[in-house]
Amino acid sequence: MSQPAISKHLKVLEQAGLISRTRQGTMRLSKLEAAPLKGASRWIGTYQEYWAESFNRLDDLLRRTEHEQHD
């Protein structure tokens, strides 16, 4: 990945409040801002539960179908 592409990605993350950036001499340091990610993690978690339940139901259906085919 090129340096301009990295800089562009970091700028987007900074504008979204997901990182903060500071200068130390000639270096630009980036720090992860975890607080905004907590809300996103909770939101994703609700879908994670939904999909886990859906896959469990699919597993059950496939087991029943396999069992019926062998009988």
C-alpha atoms as a PDB file:
ATOM      1  CA  MET A   1       0.000   0.000   0.000  1.00  0.00           C
ATOM      2  CA  SER A   2       1.411   3.395  -0.922  1.00  0.00           C
ATOM      3  CA  GLN A   3       2.122   6.161   1.594  1.00  0.00           C
ATOM      4  CA  PRO A   4      -0.550   8.461   0.070  1.00  0.00           C
ATOM      5  CA  ALA A   5      -3.135   5.667   0.372  1.00  0.00           C
ATOM      6  CA  ILE A   6      -2.206   5.097   4.026  1.00  0.00           C
ATOM      7  CA  SER A   7      -2.439   8.824   4.739  1.00  0.00           C
ATOM      8  CA  LYS A   8      -5.866   8.953   3.091  1.00  0.00           C
ATOM      9  CA  HIS A   9      -7.129   6.029   5.194  1.00  0.00           C
ATOM     10  CA  LEU A  10      -5.766   7.565   8.395  1.00  0.00           C
ATOM     11  CA  LYS A  11      -7.450  10.875   7.561  1.00  0.00           C
ATOM     12  CA  VAL A  12     -10.814   9.124   7.127  1.00  0.00           C
ATOM     13  CA  LEU A  13     -10.376   7.292  10.450  1.00  0.00           C
ATOM     14  CA  GLU A  14      -9.455  10.564  12.166  1.00  0.00           C
ATOM     15  CA  GLN A  15     -12.481  12.372  10.719  1.00  0.00           C
ATOM     16  CA  ALA A  16     -14.680   9.509  11.956  1.00  0.00           C
ATOM     17  CA  GLY A  17     -13.260   9.928  15.463  1.00  0.00           C
ATOM     18  CA  LEU A  18     -11.753   6.434  15.493  1.00  0.00           C
ATOM     19  CA  ILE A  19      -8.159   7.622  15.846  1.00  0.00           C
ATOM     20  CA  SER A  20      -6.450  10.754  17.093  1.00  0.00           C
ATOM     21  CA  ARG A  21      -3.190  12.002  15.611  1.00  0.00           C
ATOM     22  CA  THR A  22      -0.362  14.021  17.145  1.00  0.00           C
ATOM     23  CA  ARG A  23       3.056  15.187  16.038  1.00  0.00           C
ATOM     24  CA  GLN A  24       6.228  14.283  17.877  1.00  0.00           C
ATOM     25  CA  GLY A  25       9.170  15.836  16.077  1.00  0.00           C
ATOM     26  CA  THR A  26       9.008  14.611  12.502  1.00  0.00           C
ATOM     27  CA  MET A  27       6.706  11.713  13.352  1.00  0.00           C
ATOM     28  CA  ARG A  28       2.910  11.674  13.248  1.00  0.00           C
ATOM     29  CA  LEU A  29       1.571   9.324  15.883  1.00  0.00           C
ATOM     30  CA  SER A  30      -1.870   7.740  15.676  1.00  0.00           C
ATOM     31  CA  LYS A  31      -3.831   6.512  18.684  1.00  0.00           C
ATOM     32  CA  LEU A  32      -6.869   4.268  18.557  1.00  0.00           C
ATOM     33  CA  GLU A  33      -9.933   5.860  20.148  1.00  0.00           C
ATOM     34  CA  ALA A  34     -11.795   2.809  21.452  1.00  0.00           C
ATOM     35  CA  ALA A  35     -14.914   4.525  22.854  1.00  0.00           C
ATOM     36  CA  PRO A  36     -16.660   5.003  19.466  1.00  0.00           C
ATOM     37  CA  LEU A  37     -16.015   1.339  18.680  1.00  0.00           C
ATOM     38  CA  LYS A  38     -17.985   0.173  21.734  1.00  0.00           C
ATOM     39  CA  GLY A  39     -21.276   1.308  20.217  1.00  0.00           C
ATOM     40  CA  ALA A  40     -20.446  -0.331  16.912  1.00  0.00           C
ATOM     41  CA  SER A  41     -19.481  -3.525  18.697  1.00  0.00           C
ATOM     42  CA  ARG A  42     -22.818  -3.621  20.552  1.00  0.00           C
ATOM     43  CA  TRP A  43     -24.716  -3.039  17.303  1.00  0.00           C
ATOM     44  CA  ILE A  44     -22.770  -5.775  15.500  1.00  0.00           C
ATOM     45  CA  GLY A  45     -23.328  -8.075  18.490  1.00  0.00           C
ATOM     46  CA  THR A  46     -27.088  -8.017  17.951  1.00  0.00           C
ATOM     47  CA  TYR A  47     -26.607  -9.283  14.417  1.00  0.00           C
ATOM     48  CA  GLN A  48     -24.033 -11.806  15.582  1.00  0.00           C
ATOM     49  CA  GLU A  49     -26.645 -13.380  17.868  1.00  0.00           C
ATOM     50  CA  TYR A  50     -29.187 -13.434  15.024  1.00  0.00           C
ATOM     51  CA  TRP A  51     -26.798 -15.153  12.616  1.00  0.00           C
ATOM     52  CA  ALA A  52     -25.610 -17.659  15.221  1.00  0.00           C
ATOM     53  CA  GLU A  53     -29.228 -18.668  15.866  1.00  0.00           C
ATOM     54  CA  SER A  54     -29.923 -18.857  12.124  1.00  0.00           C
ATOM     55  CA  PHE A  55     -26.908 -21.094  11.515  1.00  0.00           C
ATOM     56  CA  ASN A  56     -27.906 -23.317  14.442  1.00  0.00           C
ATOM     57  CA  ARG A  57     -31.359 -23.770  12.893  1.00  0.00           C
ATOM     58  CA  LEU A  58     -29.759 -24.532   9.530  1.00  0.00           C
ATOM     59  CA  ASP A  59     -27.478 -27.126  11.163  1.00  0.00           C
ATOM     60  CA  ASP A  60     -30.507 -28.766  12.777  1.00  0.00           C
ATOM     61  CA  LEU A  61     -32.360 -28.870   9.454  1.00  0.00           C
ATOM     62  CA  LEU A  62     -29.359 -30.377   7.645  1.00  0.00           C
ATOM     63  CA  ARG A  63     -28.944 -33.058  10.335  1.00  0.00           C
ATOM     64  CA  ARG A  64     -32.631 -33.979  10.094  1.00  0.00           C
ATOM     65  CA  THR A  65     -32.464 -34.082   6.297  1.00  0.00           C
ATOM     66  CA  GLU A  66     -29.347 -36.285   6.371  1.00  0.00           C
ATOM     67  CA  HIS A  67     -30.956 -38.599   8.907  1.00  0.00           C
ATOM     68  CA  GLU A  68     -34.134 -38.904   6.807  1.00  0.00           C
ATOM     69  CA  GLN A  69     -32.089 -39.722   3.679  1.00  0.00           C
ATOM     70  CA  HIS A  70     -30.289 -42.550   5.467  1.00  0.00           C
ATOM     71  CA  ASP A  71     -33.519 -44.131   6.746  1.00  0.00           C
END
